[in-house]
Amino acid sequence: MEEKWINHYSSRHQMLLVGEGDFSFAASLATAFGNASNIVATSLDSQVMLLRKYPTEAANVCLLKDKGCTVIHGFTRNEQDSYQISLHKEVVRGFLRNGREMLTRRGEIHVTHKTSYPFTEWGIEELGREVGLVLTEKAAFSISDYPGYENKRGGEGSSCRSSDTFPARLSTTFKFAK
């Protein structure tokens, strides 16, 4: 199969997408690549809650499954609570640690994350260093590079703001290598 690229993502990369919201980012990649068998996409909420929050979620998940993506639902969160931040940091640290073990010689781990408070408290760069990764690049995230992707705020329960977008210009893709 011919390799296809969308910004810094290749159809040959093995990807774990954490906290997908309405799954439109994963769907954007799957559409560009024509296949999603190399993608695992996860959401923080249950499938029932996502259907309440995001009208487009069901269509995105259907597209992903048709293209071979593994879809996982059911994490919980509260973005500003210090205990929840510490739990998120543990998840990211574990992801980076396990990802490091899976990296090939030319492989990279990408973490795209908001770079405004309270998200700066996660310390993505430090988490990478803690598990023995080297930060090779920090790239500004541009939502326009991913046609069809609509970022979503998320939130507790069936929050009336959960379908709102957030300022993606305040996000960075952290690229790590061994």
C-alpha atoms as a PDB file:
ATOM      1  CA  MET A   1       0.000   0.000   0.000  1.00  0.00           C
ATOM      2  CA  GLU A   2       1.277   3.474  -0.896  1.00  0.00           C
ATOM      3  CA  GLU A   3       2.284   5.638   2.069  1.00  0.00           C
ATOM      4  CA  LYS A   4       0.085   8.715   2.557  1.00  0.00           C
ATOM      5  CA  TRP A   5       0.780  11.713   4.775  1.00  0.00           C
ATOM      6  CA  ILE A   6      -1.404  14.298   6.477  1.00  0.00           C
ATOM      7  CA  ASN A   7       0.898  16.876   8.066  1.00  0.00           C
ATOM      8  CA  HIS A   8       3.221  14.820  10.344  1.00  0.00           C
ATOM      9  CA  TYR A   9       1.102  11.651  10.381  1.00  0.00           C
ATOM     10  CA  SER A  10       1.798   8.767   8.022  1.00  0.00           C
ATOM     11  CA  SER A  11      -0.530   5.961   6.989  1.00  0.00           C
ATOM     12  CA  ARG A  12       2.280   3.642   8.132  1.00  0.00           C
ATOM     13  CA  HIS A  13       2.402   4.950  11.711  1.00  0.00           C
ATOM     14  CA  GLN A  14       0.844   2.881  14.490  1.00  0.00           C
ATOM     15  CA  MET A  15      -1.366   5.378  16.373  1.00  0.00           C
ATOM     16  CA  LEU A  16      -3.096   5.557  19.728  1.00  0.00           C
ATOM     17  CA  LEU A  17      -5.368   8.612  19.871  1.00  0.00           C
ATOM     18  CA  VAL A  18      -6.395   9.388  23.454  1.00  0.00           C
ATOM     19  CA  GLY A  19      -9.424  11.545  24.367  1.00  0.00           C
ATOM     20  CA  GLU A  20     -11.041  11.768  20.952  1.00  0.00           C
ATOM     21  CA  GLY A  21     -14.316  13.545  21.830  1.00  0.00           C
ATOM     22  CA  ASP A  22     -16.504  13.125  18.740  1.00  0.00           C
ATOM     23  CA  PHE A  23     -13.822  11.077  16.908  1.00  0.00           C
ATOM     24  CA  SER A  24     -13.546  13.614  14.074  1.00  0.00           C
ATOM     25  CA  PHE A  25      -9.727  13.804  14.332  1.00  0.00           C
ATOM     26  CA  ALA A  26      -9.401  10.040  13.912  1.00  0.00           C
ATOM     27  CA  ALA A  27     -11.989  10.168  11.101  1.00  0.00           C
ATOM     28  CA  SER A  28      -9.971  12.905   9.370  1.00  0.00           C
ATOM     29  CA  LEU A  29      -6.863  10.710   9.416  1.00  0.00           C
ATOM     30  CA  ALA A  30      -8.778   7.597   8.357  1.00  0.00           C
ATOM     31  CA  THR A  31     -10.364   9.430   5.429  1.00  0.00           C
ATOM     32  CA  ALA A  32      -7.031  10.851   4.276  1.00  0.00           C
ATOM     33  CA  PHE A  33      -5.330   7.444   4.546  1.00  0.00           C
ATOM     34  CA  GLY A  34      -8.226   5.355   3.241  1.00  0.00           C
ATOM     35  CA  ASN A  35      -7.647   2.887   6.076  1.00  0.00           C
ATOM     36  CA  ALA A  36      -7.579   3.017   9.875  1.00  0.00           C
ATOM     37  CA  SER A  37      -6.401  -0.475  10.824  1.00  0.00           C
ATOM     38  CA  ASN A  38      -3.289   1.150  12.323  1.00  0.00           C
ATOM     39  CA  ILE A  39      -5.319   3.421  14.632  1.00  0.00           C
ATOM     40  CA  VAL A  40      -6.717   2.897  18.131  1.00  0.00           C
ATOM     41  CA  ALA A  41      -9.003   5.817  19.076  1.00  0.00           C
ATOM     42  CA  THR A  42     -10.251   6.348  22.632  1.00  0.00           C
ATOM     43  CA  SER A  43     -12.772   8.661  24.253  1.00  0.00           C
ATOM     44  CA  LEU A  44     -13.135   9.858  27.808  1.00  0.00           C
ATOM     45  CA  ASP A  45     -16.894   9.328  27.933  1.00  0.00           C
ATOM     46  CA  SER A  46     -19.109   6.289  27.511  1.00  0.00           C
ATOM     47  CA  GLN A  47     -20.646   5.686  24.100  1.00  0.00           C
ATOM     48  CA  VAL A  48     -24.094   6.614  25.474  1.00  0.00           C
ATOM     49  CA  MET A  49     -22.813   9.945  26.805  1.00  0.00           C
ATOM     50  CA  LEU A  50     -20.988  10.696  23.561  1.00  0.00           C
ATOM     51  CA  LEU A  51     -24.166  10.165  21.557  1.00  0.00           C
ATOM     52  CA  ARG A  52     -25.885  12.742  23.803  1.00  0.00           C
ATOM     53  CA  LYS A  53     -23.062  15.255  23.482  1.00  0.00           C
ATOM     54  CA  TYR A  54     -22.011  14.955  19.851  1.00  0.00           C
ATOM     55  CA  PRO A  55     -24.520  14.319  17.068  1.00  0.00           C
ATOM     56  CA  THR A  56     -21.676  13.479  14.649  1.00  0.00           C
ATOM     57  CA  GLU A  57     -20.033  10.889  16.913  1.00  0.00           C
ATOM     58  CA  ALA A  58     -22.009   7.907  15.621  1.00  0.00           C
ATOM     59  CA  ALA A  59     -21.185   8.629  11.967  1.00  0.00           C
ATOM     60  CA  ASN A  60     -17.498   9.137  12.786  1.00  0.00           C
ATOM     61  CA  VAL A  61     -17.301   5.879  14.756  1.00  0.00           C
ATOM     62  CA  CYS A  62     -19.109   4.019  11.960  1.00  0.00           C
ATOM     63  CA  LEU A  63     -16.607   5.373   9.408  1.00  0.00           C
ATOM     64  CA  LEU A  64     -13.701   4.417  11.665  1.00  0.00           C
ATOM     65  CA  LYS A  65     -14.936   0.879  12.241  1.00  0.00           C
ATOM     66  CA  ASP A  66     -15.581   0.447   8.501  1.00  0.00           C
ATOM     67  CA  LYS A  67     -11.945   1.426   7.912  1.00  0.00           C
ATOM     68  CA  GLY A  68     -10.632  -1.018  10.532  1.00  0.00           C
ATOM     69  CA  CYS A  69     -10.060   1.301  13.513  1.00  0.00           C
ATOM     70  CA  THR A  70     -10.247   0.007  17.085  1.00  0.00           C
ATOM     71  CA  VAL A  71     -12.548   2.322  19.075  1.00  0.00           C
ATOM     72  CA  ILE A  72     -12.598   2.367  22.895  1.00  0.00           C
ATOM     73  CA  HIS A  73     -14.995   4.370  25.087  1.00  0.00           C
ATOM     74  CA  GLY A  74     -15.233   5.108  28.773  1.00  0.00           C
ATOM     75  CA  PHE A  75     -12.684   7.263  30.589  1.00  0.00           C
ATOM     76  CA  THR A  76     -13.685   9.929  33.141  1.00  0.00           C
ATOM     77  CA  ARG A  77     -12.219  13.313  33.841  1.00  0.00           C
ATOM     78  CA  ASN A  78     -12.476  16.802  35.347  1.00  0.00           C
ATOM     79  CA  GLU A  79      -9.943  19.105  33.707  1.00  0.00           C
ATOM     80  CA  GLN A  80      -9.270  21.511  36.595  1.00  0.00           C
ATOM     81  CA  ASP A  81      -9.245  19.264  39.652  1.00  0.00           C
ATOM     82  CA  SER A  82      -5.683  18.689  40.904  1.00  0.00           C
ATOM     83  CA  TYR A  83      -6.375  15.034  41.710  1.00  0.00           C
ATOM     84  CA  GLN A  84      -7.768  14.455  38.220  1.00  0.00           C
ATOM     85  CA  ILE A  85      -4.756  16.238  36.711  1.00  0.00           C
ATOM     86  CA  SER A  86      -2.487  13.849  38.618  1.00  0.00           C
ATOM     87  CA  LEU A  87      -4.500  10.887  37.283  1.00  0.00           C
ATOM     88  CA  HIS A  88      -4.209  12.223  33.730  1.00  0.00           C
ATOM     89  CA  LYS A  89      -0.478  12.620  34.201  1.00  0.00           C
ATOM     90  CA  GLU A  90      -0.246   8.977  35.275  1.00  0.00           C
ATOM     91  CA  VAL A  91      -2.146   7.887  32.157  1.00  0.00           C
ATOM     92  CA  VAL A  92       0.121   9.974  29.893  1.00  0.00           C
ATOM     93  CA  ARG A  93       3.256   8.781  31.723  1.00  0.00           C
ATOM     94  CA  GLY A  94       2.137   5.159  31.282  1.00  0.00           C
ATOM     95  CA  PHE A  95       1.300   5.767  27.640  1.00  0.00           C
ATOM     96  CA  LEU A  96       4.727   7.323  27.020  1.00  0.00           C
ATOM     97  CA  ARG A  97       6.542   4.582  28.958  1.00  0.00           C
ATOM     98  CA  ASN A  98       4.789   1.807  27.038  1.00  0.00           C
ATOM     99  CA  GLY A  99       5.076   3.689  23.771  1.00  0.00           C
ATOM    100  CA  ARG A 100       8.829   4.008  24.308  1.00  0.00           C
ATOM    101  CA  GLU A 101       9.098   0.217  24.538  1.00  0.00           C
ATOM    102  CA  MET A 102       7.279  -0.113  21.207  1.00  0.00           C
ATOM    103  CA  LEU A 103       9.257   2.533  19.318  1.00  0.00           C
ATOM    104  CA  THR A 104      11.295   1.451  16.354  1.00  0.00           C
ATOM    105  CA  ARG A 105      14.617   3.083  15.520  1.00  0.00           C
ATOM    106  CA  ARG A 106      12.974   5.825  13.444  1.00  0.00           C
ATOM    107  CA  GLY A 107       9.690   5.911  15.362  1.00  0.00           C
ATOM    108  CA  GLU A 108       8.137   8.868  17.160  1.00  0.00           C
ATOM    109  CA  ILE A 109       5.486   9.410  19.787  1.00  0.00           C
ATOM    110  CA  HIS A 110       3.275  12.448  19.174  1.00  0.00           C
ATOM    111  CA  VAL A 111       1.199  14.055  21.924  1.00  0.00           C
ATOM    112  CA  THR A 112      -0.971  16.975  20.880  1.00  0.00           C
ATOM    113  CA  HIS A 113      -2.060  18.919  23.922  1.00  0.00           C
ATOM    114  CA  LYS A 114      -3.439  22.272  24.905  1.00  0.00           C
ATOM    115  CA  THR A 115      -0.774  24.674  26.129  1.00  0.00           C
ATOM    116  CA  SER A 116      -2.880  26.890  28.373  1.00  0.00           C
ATOM    117  CA  TYR A 117      -3.822  26.507  32.047  1.00  0.00           C
ATOM    118  CA  PRO A 118      -4.776  24.010  33.505  1.00  0.00           C
ATOM    119  CA  PHE A 119      -3.331  21.783  30.762  1.00  0.00           C
ATOM    120  CA  THR A 120       0.184  23.157  31.245  1.00  0.00           C
ATOM    121  CA  GLU A 121       0.059  21.495  34.681  1.00  0.00           C
ATOM    122  CA  TRP A 122       0.318  18.113  32.970  1.00  0.00           C
ATOM    123  CA  GLY A 123       3.974  18.827  32.124  1.00  0.00           C
ATOM    124  CA  ILE A 124       4.074  16.810  28.903  1.00  0.00           C
ATOM    125  CA  GLU A 125       7.771  17.524  28.229  1.00  0.00           C
ATOM    126  CA  GLU A 126       8.763  16.476  31.756  1.00  0.00           C
ATOM    127  CA  LEU A 127       6.684  13.288  31.536  1.00  0.00           C
ATOM    128  CA  GLY A 128       8.583  12.351  28.378  1.00  0.00           C
ATOM    129  CA  ARG A 129      11.950  12.974  30.064  1.00  0.00           C
ATOM    130  CA  GLU A 130      10.897  10.906  33.086  1.00  0.00           C
ATOM    131  CA  VAL A 131      10.415   7.807  30.928  1.00  0.00           C
ATOM    132  CA  GLY A 132      13.613   8.274  28.917  1.00  0.00           C
ATOM    133  CA  LEU A 133      12.276   9.987  25.811  1.00  0.00           C
ATOM    134  CA  VAL A 134      13.887  12.905  24.023  1.00  0.00           C
ATOM    135  CA  LEU A 135      11.762  15.821  22.849  1.00  0.00           C
ATOM    136  CA  THR A 136      12.699  16.229  19.185  1.00  0.00           C
ATOM    137  CA  GLU A 137      10.227  18.938  18.196  1.00  0.00           C
ATOM    138  CA  LYS A 138       7.338  21.061  19.387  1.00  0.00           C
ATOM    139  CA  ALA A 139       5.042  21.945  16.479  1.00  0.00           C
ATOM    140  CA  ALA A 140       2.154  24.367  16.630  1.00  0.00           C
ATOM    141  CA  PHE A 141      -1.069  22.486  15.982  1.00  0.00           C
ATOM    142  CA  SER A 142      -3.144  23.892  13.123  1.00  0.00           C
ATOM    143  CA  ILE A 143      -6.669  22.556  12.890  1.00  0.00           C
ATOM    144  CA  SER A 144      -6.822  23.545   9.214  1.00  0.00           C
ATOM    145  CA  ASP A 145      -4.336  20.752   8.429  1.00  0.00           C
ATOM    146  CA  TYR A 146      -6.998  18.144   9.275  1.00  0.00           C
ATOM    147  CA  PRO A 147     -10.114  18.500   7.082  1.00  0.00           C
ATOM    148  CA  GLY A 148     -13.229  17.263   8.853  1.00  0.00           C
ATOM    149  CA  TYR A 149     -11.758  17.531  12.347  1.00  0.00           C
ATOM    150  CA  GLU A 150     -13.911  19.546  14.740  1.00  0.00           C
ATOM    151  CA  ASN A 151     -12.388  19.776  18.198  1.00  0.00           C
ATOM    152  CA  LYS A 152     -14.820  19.545  21.105  1.00  0.00           C
ATOM    153  CA  ARG A 153     -14.628  20.923  24.600  1.00  0.00           C
ATOM    154  CA  GLY A 154     -15.945  17.803  26.326  1.00  0.00           C
ATOM    155  CA  GLY A 155     -16.870  18.149  29.957  1.00  0.00           C
ATOM    156  CA  GLU A 156     -18.663  16.553  32.807  1.00  0.00           C
ATOM    157  CA  GLY A 157     -21.884  14.680  32.147  1.00  0.00           C
ATOM    158  CA  SER A 158     -24.150  16.200  29.525  1.00  0.00           C
ATOM    159  CA  SER A 159     -22.769  19.725  29.885  1.00  0.00           C
ATOM    160  CA  CYS A 160     -24.450  22.204  27.559  1.00  0.00           C
ATOM    161  CA  ARG A 161     -20.993  23.403  26.461  1.00  0.00           C
ATOM    162  CA  SER A 162     -19.622  19.941  25.660  1.00  0.00           C
ATOM    163  CA  SER A 163     -20.198  20.361  21.908  1.00  0.00           C
ATOM    164  CA  ASP A 164     -18.446  23.752  21.818  1.00  0.00           C
ATOM    165  CA  THR A 165     -15.023  23.973  20.236  1.00  0.00           C
ATOM    166  CA  PHE A 166     -11.986  25.303  22.077  1.00  0.00           C
ATOM    167  CA  PRO A 167      -9.132  27.477  20.782  1.00  0.00           C
ATOM    168  CA  ALA A 168      -6.966  24.919  18.989  1.00  0.00           C
ATOM    169  CA  ARG A 169      -4.383  27.629  18.342  1.00  0.00           C
ATOM    170  CA  LEU A 170      -3.382  27.076  21.961  1.00  0.00           C
ATOM    171  CA  SER A 171      -2.257  23.520  21.227  1.00  0.00           C
ATOM    172  CA  THR A 172       1.119  22.001  20.441  1.00  0.00           C
ATOM    173  CA  THR A 173       2.230  18.636  19.112  1.00  0.00           C
ATOM    174  CA  PHE A 174       5.097  17.313  21.224  1.00  0.00           C
ATOM    175  CA  LYS A 175       7.251  14.824  19.269  1.00  0.00           C
ATOM    176  CA  PHE A 176       9.364  12.354  21.226  1.00  0.00           C
ATOM    177  CA  ALA A 177      11.961   9.746  20.227  1.00  0.00           C
ATOM    178  CA  LYS A 178      14.232   7.332  22.105  1.00  0.00           C
END
